[in-house]
Amino acid sequence: MTSRKQLVRLREKELVNGNKSLYLDIYWNGKRSKEYLKLYLVKPKNTIDRDINKQTLSFAESIRAKRQTELQNNGWGIASSFMQDTNFIEYFTRLVEKKKNSPGNWGNWDSTLKHLSKYCSPQTTFRDIDTYFVESFKDYLQNKAKTKSDTPLSVNSQNSYFNKFRAAINDAYDQKIIPENPTRKVKGIQPDEPKREYLTLEELKKLAKTDCKYPVLKNAFLFSCLTGLRWSDIQKLKWSEVQKHGYGWRVVFRQKKTRGQEYLDISNQAREYLGNQTGPDERVFIGLKYSGWYNIELHRWIMRAGISKEITFHCGRHTFAVLQLEMGTDIYTVSKLLGHKELKTTQIYARIMDEKKKDAMNKIPDIKS
């Protein structure tokens, strides 16, 4: 049985600039090895430097104690069932491959992989991923990472990539690759709340009376405004999914984004924008596609209607939500109509309504003038 002597010692190596690099001197099974921690003590010039050094030493000591415990557990026959020497980049790459069936989600996972590959060594293992690693990667995303066009990442991209990294660590913890989850001690990156542009009822009426170069685009967009359906679900909609239901119509489909099965009752007004029914396997909006020409025409159509807002196709979904709330539909029902899994996703529209109420109150002129 291995004695309880100190198998791992924390040591310092002086650098040419006067700072000191911290490393672990590990003695195990008659062999000595070094593990550099990528932690440094600065040459102190003031109280702040000394405080920073003190914190760094404390953190390094916690790593040393952890390594010591791991070796002792093995020495006492308490063999670890964890696989901390698993290569992290290879593990993350396998997760990315599993996401390929979800194109929208896969793109963010793939981008996260590219940033992780830039940030850490190809030899990085899960043993290297501790709280310091997590904090450092978060700092990299916020202050150093760049887009393809060499601009800083948006806050929402930072949030998305950090969450994908966190999800990978969570998965490794669940798979018992690591004994503890270092991301739980690190606060995430809060996303910016995106501006939800939408059309008022008056603007929607103007748009319905305005000609569009591509009638299929006009019909599809107005259908979105009247049903809340996403572009991805409208673009793939087939006639077999449009069903007569009692005195009205129902769209039965599987959401492309969430894969959830949906049953959406639509108004007779919305049904009119679907046009004449053809074969069950035929697409409803034949010719509707994502292209630069369609995007340009959407903007031109909006402008011809005398609307100066920056409207995208997805704004049809926002328009539906806001109009429903304006007409008195409760937020829970709106959430279900939109296919949201959580009510908090819908609450952004309630905040829009609060802003509209404030604007309405401020419209009353000064009664003293």
Protein backbone atom coordinates (compact mmCIF):
# COMPACT_ATOMS: atom_id res chain seq x y z
CA MET A 1 0.00 0.00 0.00
CA THR A 2 1.27 3.45 -0.89
CA SER A 3 2.15 5.62 2.09
CA ARG A 4 0.36 8.92 2.57
CA LYS A 5 3.41 11.01 1.81
CA GLN A 6 3.14 14.00 -0.49
CA LEU A 7 3.37 12.63 -4.02
CA VAL A 8 2.75 15.99 -5.69
CA ARG A 9 4.64 19.16 -4.83
CA LEU A 10 3.95 22.69 -6.05
CA ARG A 11 7.11 24.29 -7.38
CA GLU A 12 8.16 27.54 -9.04
CA LYS A 13 10.37 28.16 -12.06
CA GLU A 14 11.83 31.64 -12.44
CA LEU A 15 11.44 33.20 -15.89
CA VAL A 16 13.69 35.71 -17.63
CA ASN A 17 11.20 38.54 -17.04
CA GLY A 18 11.31 38.02 -13.29
CA ASN A 19 7.94 36.27 -13.10
CA LYS A 20 7.60 32.67 -11.92
CA SER A 21 5.86 29.78 -13.63
CA LEU A 22 4.07 27.31 -11.34
CA TYR A 23 4.27 23.58 -11.97
CA LEU A 24 3.61 20.29 -10.21
CA ASP A 25 6.52 18.00 -9.39
CA ILE A 26 4.91 14.54 -9.45
CA TYR A 27 6.61 11.41 -8.08
CA TRP A 28 4.73 8.21 -8.86
CA ASN A 29 5.76 4.56 -9.29
CA GLY A 30 9.43 5.47 -8.98
CA LYS A 31 9.21 8.07 -11.76
CA ARG A 32 9.24 11.85 -11.60
CA SER A 33 7.31 14.09 -14.01
CA LYS A 34 6.31 17.73 -14.30
CA GLU A 35 2.93 19.28 -15.05
CA TYR A 36 3.04 22.98 -15.90
CA LEU A 37 -0.14 24.71 -14.74
CA LYS A 38 0.00 27.77 -17.01
CA LEU A 39 -0.23 29.86 -13.87
CA TYR A 40 2.27 32.61 -13.10
CA LEU A 41 3.39 34.71 -10.16
CA VAL A 42 4.22 38.24 -11.23
CA LYS A 43 7.14 40.18 -9.82
CA PRO A 44 5.24 42.21 -7.19
CA LYS A 45 5.35 45.98 -7.51
CA ASN A 46 2.43 46.86 -5.27
CA THR A 47 -0.25 45.46 -2.97
CA ILE A 48 -2.49 44.50 -5.90
CA ASP A 49 0.25 42.31 -7.40
CA ARG A 50 0.81 40.62 -4.05
CA ASP A 51 -2.92 39.92 -3.67
CA ILE A 52 -3.07 38.45 -7.19
CA ASN A 53 -0.09 36.21 -6.43
CA LYS A 54 -1.76 35.05 -3.25
CA GLN A 55 -4.93 34.08 -5.13
CA THR A 56 -2.89 32.33 -7.85
CA LEU A 57 -0.98 30.30 -5.26
CA SER A 58 -4.20 29.32 -3.53
CA PHE A 59 -5.69 28.13 -6.83
CA ALA A 60 -2.50 26.22 -7.73
CA GLU A 61 -2.52 24.54 -4.31
CA SER A 62 -6.10 23.34 -4.89
CA ILE A 63 -4.93 21.72 -8.15
CA ARG A 64 -1.99 20.13 -6.36
CA ALA A 65 -4.27 18.67 -3.69
CA LYS A 66 -6.60 17.30 -6.35
CA ARG A 67 -3.75 15.57 -8.20
CA GLN A 68 -2.46 14.19 -4.91
CA THR A 69 -5.86 12.69 -4.10
CA GLU A 70 -6.16 11.11 -7.56
CA LEU A 71 -2.79 9.38 -7.21
CA GLN A 72 -3.47 8.24 -3.65
CA ASN A 73 -6.84 6.79 -4.61
CA ASN A 74 -5.16 4.72 -7.29
CA GLY A 75 -2.41 3.70 -4.86
CA TRP A 76 -4.93 2.53 -2.27
CA GLY A 77 -6.75 0.41 -4.83
CA ILE A 78 -9.63 2.84 -5.27
CA ALA A 79 -9.21 2.83 -9.02
CA SER A 80 -10.89 5.76 -10.72
CA SER A 81 -13.67 4.88 -13.14
CA PHE A 82 -13.34 8.27 -14.80
CA MET A 83 -11.63 8.79 -18.16
CA GLN A 84 -10.03 12.19 -17.69
CA ASP A 85 -7.28 11.48 -20.21
CA THR A 86 -9.88 11.50 -23.01
CA ASN A 87 -8.86 13.98 -25.70
CA PHE A 88 -11.22 16.95 -25.41
CA ILE A 89 -11.15 18.19 -29.04
CA GLU A 90 -11.77 14.67 -30.36
CA TYR A 91 -14.66 14.27 -27.92
CA PHE A 92 -16.19 17.62 -28.92
CA THR A 93 -15.76 16.75 -32.62
CA ARG A 94 -17.82 13.59 -32.10
CA LEU A 95 -20.57 15.67 -30.47
CA VAL A 96 -20.56 18.03 -33.48
CA GLU A 97 -20.93 15.05 -35.83
CA LYS A 98 -24.03 13.95 -33.92
CA LYS A 99 -25.61 17.37 -34.51
CA LYS A 100 -25.49 17.15 -38.32
CA ASN A 101 -29.13 16.10 -38.51
CA SER A 102 -30.05 19.49 -37.06
CA PRO A 103 -28.59 21.99 -39.61
CA GLY A 104 -29.36 25.20 -37.71
CA ASN A 105 -27.99 23.86 -34.44
CA TRP A 106 -25.04 22.14 -36.11
CA GLY A 107 -23.65 25.45 -37.40
CA ASN A 108 -23.24 26.83 -33.87
CA TRP A 109 -21.64 23.61 -32.65
CA ASP A 110 -19.23 23.63 -35.57
CA SER A 111 -18.31 27.28 -34.94
CA THR A 112 -17.71 26.49 -31.27
CA LEU A 113 -15.38 23.67 -32.29
CA LYS A 114 -13.39 26.05 -34.51
CA HIS A 115 -12.93 28.49 -31.61
CA LEU A 116 -11.98 25.72 -29.17
CA SER A 117 -9.42 24.46 -31.68
CA LYS A 118 -7.89 27.93 -31.81
CA TYR A 119 -7.99 28.37 -28.05
CA CYS A 120 -6.53 25.12 -26.77
CA SER A 121 -3.93 22.55 -27.76
CA PRO A 122 -4.90 19.48 -29.84
CA GLN A 123 -3.51 17.45 -26.93
CA THR A 124 -5.88 18.98 -24.37
CA THR A 125 -7.60 16.33 -22.24
CA PHE A 126 -10.46 16.57 -19.76
CA ARG A 127 -7.85 16.53 -17.02
CA ASP A 128 -6.80 20.00 -18.23
CA ILE A 129 -10.33 21.41 -18.04
CA ASP A 130 -10.82 23.00 -14.65
CA THR A 131 -12.46 26.21 -13.46
CA TYR A 132 -9.48 28.25 -14.65
CA PHE A 133 -9.78 26.73 -18.15
CA VAL A 134 -13.50 27.52 -18.25
CA GLU A 135 -12.98 31.11 -17.10
CA SER A 136 -10.17 31.57 -19.63
CA PHE A 137 -12.25 30.26 -22.54
CA LYS A 138 -15.06 32.60 -21.52
CA ASP A 139 -12.57 35.49 -21.55
CA TYR A 140 -11.31 34.37 -24.97
CA LEU A 141 -14.84 34.50 -26.42
CA GLN A 142 -15.56 37.91 -24.91
CA ASN A 143 -12.26 39.66 -25.65
CA LYS A 144 -10.18 37.81 -28.24
CA ALA A 145 -12.29 35.66 -30.56
CA LYS A 146 -13.01 37.00 -34.05
CA THR A 147 -15.52 36.28 -36.80
CA LYS A 148 -14.52 35.30 -40.35
CA SER A 149 -14.58 39.02 -41.22
CA ASP A 150 -12.13 39.72 -38.35
CA THR A 151 -14.65 41.48 -36.12
CA PRO A 152 -15.36 40.70 -32.44
CA LEU A 153 -18.07 38.13 -31.73
CA SER A 154 -21.52 39.48 -30.97
CA VAL A 155 -22.71 38.96 -27.41
CA ASN A 156 -25.29 36.45 -28.65
CA SER A 157 -22.58 34.44 -30.44
CA GLN A 158 -20.47 34.50 -27.28
CA ASN A 159 -23.47 33.21 -25.35
CA SER A 160 -24.22 30.49 -27.90
CA TYR A 161 -20.62 29.20 -28.15
CA PHE A 162 -20.08 29.22 -24.39
CA ASN A 163 -23.35 27.30 -23.91
CA LYS A 164 -22.26 24.67 -26.45
CA PHE A 165 -18.95 24.30 -24.58
CA ARG A 166 -20.86 24.02 -21.30
CA ALA A 167 -23.18 21.40 -22.82
CA ALA A 168 -20.16 19.31 -23.84
CA ILE A 169 -18.75 19.43 -20.31
CA ASN A 170 -22.18 18.56 -18.89
CA ASP A 171 -22.31 15.59 -21.25
CA ALA A 172 -18.83 14.45 -20.18
CA TYR A 173 -19.90 14.67 -16.54
CA ASP A 174 -23.05 12.65 -17.22
CA GLN A 175 -20.94 10.06 -19.08
CA LYS A 176 -18.63 9.85 -16.02
CA ILE A 177 -15.60 11.01 -17.97
CA ILE A 178 -14.93 13.65 -15.29
CA PRO A 179 -15.61 13.41 -11.54
CA GLU A 180 -16.87 16.99 -11.19
CA ASN A 181 -18.24 19.70 -13.46
CA PRO A 182 -16.04 22.85 -13.54
CA THR A 183 -18.59 24.91 -15.52
CA ARG A 184 -21.00 24.98 -12.57
CA LYS A 185 -18.76 27.45 -10.77
CA VAL A 186 -18.57 29.84 -13.72
CA LYS A 187 -21.33 32.30 -14.59
CA GLY A 188 -22.45 32.16 -18.21
CA ILE A 189 -22.48 34.97 -20.77
CA GLN A 190 -25.79 36.81 -20.80
CA PRO A 191 -27.19 37.34 -24.32
CA ASP A 192 -28.49 40.65 -25.61
CA GLU A 193 -32.25 40.78 -25.90
CA PRO A 194 -32.86 41.02 -29.65
CA LYS A 195 -35.18 43.67 -31.03
CA ARG A 196 -38.40 42.05 -32.23
CA GLU A 197 -39.61 44.11 -35.19
CA TYR A 198 -43.24 43.61 -36.19
CA LEU A 199 -46.05 45.13 -38.25
CA THR A 200 -49.08 46.89 -36.82
CA LEU A 201 -52.54 45.86 -38.02
CA GLU A 202 -52.71 49.01 -40.18
CA GLU A 203 -49.32 48.24 -41.75
CA LEU A 204 -50.36 44.63 -42.40
CA LYS A 205 -53.48 45.86 -44.20
CA LYS A 206 -51.35 48.17 -46.36
CA LEU A 207 -49.04 45.29 -47.21
CA ALA A 208 -51.93 43.03 -48.20
CA LYS A 209 -53.09 45.70 -50.72
CA THR A 210 -49.58 46.21 -52.17
CA ASP A 211 -48.29 44.21 -55.15
CA CYS A 212 -45.23 42.00 -54.75
CA LYS A 213 -43.03 40.82 -57.64
CA TYR A 214 -43.22 37.26 -56.32
CA PRO A 215 -46.85 36.37 -55.41
CA VAL A 216 -45.70 33.20 -53.61
CA LEU A 217 -43.52 35.34 -51.32
CA LYS A 218 -46.43 37.67 -50.57
CA ASN A 219 -48.80 34.79 -49.79
CA ALA A 220 -46.25 32.98 -47.62
CA PHE A 221 -45.34 36.08 -45.61
CA LEU A 222 -48.95 37.11 -44.99
CA PHE A 223 -49.71 33.49 -44.04
CA SER A 224 -46.91 33.71 -41.47
CA CYS A 225 -48.37 36.95 -40.06
CA LEU A 226 -51.76 35.24 -39.66
CA THR A 227 -50.50 31.94 -38.21
CA GLY A 228 -47.11 32.58 -36.57
CA LEU A 229 -45.46 29.79 -38.56
CA ARG A 230 -41.70 29.99 -39.17
CA TRP A 231 -40.12 30.23 -42.63
CA SER A 232 -38.70 26.68 -42.31
CA ASP A 233 -42.15 25.19 -41.62
CA ILE A 234 -43.91 27.24 -44.30
CA GLN A 235 -41.29 26.49 -46.95
CA LYS A 236 -41.65 22.70 -46.51
CA LEU A 237 -45.44 22.67 -45.91
CA LYS A 238 -47.27 20.02 -47.96
CA TRP A 239 -50.96 19.76 -48.81
CA SER A 240 -51.24 16.53 -46.83
CA GLU A 241 -50.55 18.65 -43.72
CA VAL A 242 -53.46 21.02 -44.46
CA GLN A 243 -56.64 19.34 -43.24
CA LYS A 244 -60.31 20.25 -43.04
CA HIS A 245 -61.30 20.29 -39.38
CA GLY A 246 -64.95 20.80 -38.50
CA TYR A 247 -66.00 24.11 -40.01
CA GLY A 248 -62.41 25.32 -40.34
CA TRP A 249 -58.91 24.26 -41.22
CA ARG A 250 -55.99 22.77 -39.33
CA VAL A 251 -52.29 22.43 -40.16
CA VAL A 252 -50.76 19.24 -38.76
CA PHE A 253 -47.00 19.32 -39.03
CA ARG A 254 -43.71 18.60 -37.27
CA GLN A 255 -41.71 21.71 -36.38
CA LYS A 256 -38.38 21.67 -38.18
CA LYS A 257 -36.62 23.54 -35.36
CA THR A 258 -37.91 21.63 -32.32
CA ARG A 259 -39.10 18.40 -34.04
CA GLY A 260 -42.31 18.73 -32.02
CA GLN A 261 -45.61 17.55 -33.53
CA GLU A 262 -48.00 20.52 -33.85
CA TYR A 263 -51.74 20.86 -34.48
CA LEU A 264 -52.48 24.44 -35.49
CA ASP A 265 -56.01 25.61 -36.24
CA ILE A 266 -55.92 28.41 -38.82
CA SER A 267 -58.50 31.00 -39.81
CA ASN A 268 -60.39 30.95 -43.11
CA GLN A 269 -58.55 34.18 -43.92
CA ALA A 270 -55.19 32.42 -43.53
CA ARG A 271 -56.42 29.47 -45.61
CA GLU A 272 -57.08 31.80 -48.56
CA TYR A 273 -53.35 32.57 -48.82
CA LEU A 274 -52.61 28.89 -49.41
CA GLY A 275 -54.30 28.96 -52.81
CA ASN A 276 -55.81 25.97 -54.66
CA GLN A 277 -55.06 22.53 -53.29
CA THR A 278 -53.06 20.07 -55.40
CA GLY A 279 -51.64 16.60 -54.68
CA PRO A 280 -51.01 15.57 -51.03
CA ASP A 281 -47.26 15.31 -51.54
CA GLU A 282 -47.01 18.64 -53.34
CA ARG A 283 -45.60 21.66 -51.55
CA VAL A 284 -48.16 24.38 -50.79
CA PHE A 285 -45.88 27.31 -51.62
CA ILE A 286 -44.27 26.02 -54.82
CA GLY A 287 -41.24 28.10 -55.81
CA LEU A 288 -40.72 29.64 -52.38
CA LYS A 289 -36.99 29.56 -51.66
CA TYR A 290 -34.35 31.34 -49.65
CA SER A 291 -32.38 33.59 -51.96
CA GLY A 292 -30.90 37.06 -52.19
CA TRP A 293 -33.47 38.03 -54.84
CA TYR A 294 -36.38 37.09 -52.57
CA ASN A 295 -34.86 38.98 -49.65
CA ILE A 296 -34.40 42.09 -51.79
CA GLU A 297 -37.96 41.89 -53.07
CA LEU A 298 -39.29 41.51 -49.54
CA HIS A 299 -37.62 44.82 -48.60
CA ARG A 300 -38.88 46.52 -51.78
CA TRP A 301 -42.42 45.26 -51.19
CA ILE A 302 -42.33 46.62 -47.63
CA MET A 303 -41.09 49.99 -48.92
CA ARG A 304 -43.76 50.14 -51.66
CA ALA A 305 -46.35 49.76 -48.91
CA GLY A 306 -44.93 52.88 -47.27
CA ILE A 307 -43.42 51.01 -44.31
CA SER A 308 -39.97 52.10 -43.18
CA LYS A 309 -39.24 49.24 -40.74
CA GLU A 310 -36.46 46.66 -41.21
CA ILE A 311 -38.69 43.65 -41.82
CA THR A 312 -37.44 40.10 -42.39
CA PHE A 313 -39.58 37.04 -43.07
CA HIS A 314 -39.30 36.03 -39.39
CA CYS A 315 -41.02 39.32 -38.46
CA GLY A 316 -44.24 37.70 -39.67
CA ARG A 317 -44.04 35.45 -36.61
CA HIS A 318 -43.45 38.47 -34.35
CA THR A 319 -46.38 40.26 -35.98
CA PHE A 320 -48.70 37.33 -35.25
CA ALA A 321 -47.67 37.23 -31.58
CA VAL A 322 -48.10 40.98 -31.00
CA LEU A 323 -51.45 41.12 -32.82
CA GLN A 324 -52.77 38.20 -30.78
CA LEU A 325 -51.83 39.93 -27.52
CA GLU A 326 -53.34 43.19 -28.77
CA MET A 327 -56.61 41.38 -29.50
CA GLY A 328 -56.72 40.10 -25.92
CA THR A 329 -55.41 36.55 -26.32
CA ASP A 330 -53.73 35.45 -23.09
CA ILE A 331 -49.97 34.86 -23.18
CA TYR A 332 -50.29 31.13 -22.38
CA THR A 333 -52.46 30.57 -25.47
CA VAL A 334 -50.10 32.65 -27.63
CA SER A 335 -47.20 30.54 -26.36
CA LYS A 336 -49.01 27.36 -27.44
CA LEU A 337 -49.91 28.83 -30.84
CA LEU A 338 -46.25 29.68 -31.44
CA GLY A 339 -45.14 26.21 -30.38
CA HIS A 340 -42.88 27.54 -27.60
CA LYS A 341 -41.73 24.95 -25.09
CA GLU A 342 -41.34 27.51 -22.32
CA LEU A 343 -43.55 30.48 -21.45
CA LYS A 344 -40.52 32.71 -20.84
CA THR A 345 -39.77 32.58 -24.59
CA THR A 346 -43.13 34.24 -25.24
CA GLN A 347 -42.79 36.85 -22.50
CA ILE A 348 -40.65 39.07 -24.74
CA TYR A 349 -43.87 39.94 -26.60
CA ALA A 350 -45.56 40.88 -23.35
CA ARG A 351 -42.73 43.35 -22.75
CA ILE A 352 -43.36 44.80 -26.22
CA MET A 353 -46.98 45.35 -25.19
CA ASP A 354 -45.83 47.09 -21.99
CA GLU A 355 -43.71 49.47 -24.09
CA LYS A 356 -46.69 50.19 -26.34
CA LYS A 357 -48.78 51.05 -23.27
CA LYS A 358 -46.12 53.49 -22.10
CA ASP A 359 -46.04 55.12 -25.54
CA ALA A 360 -49.83 55.41 -25.50
CA MET A 361 -49.80 57.17 -22.12
CA ASN A 362 -47.23 59.68 -23.39
CA LYS A 363 -49.40 60.63 -26.38
CA ILE A 364 -51.65 62.84 -24.26
CA PRO A 365 -50.53 66.47 -24.84
CA ASP A 366 -49.47 68.73 -21.98
CA ILE A 367 -52.79 69.91 -20.49
CA LYS A 368 -51.17 73.03 -19.04
CA SER A 369 -50.09 74.45 -22.39
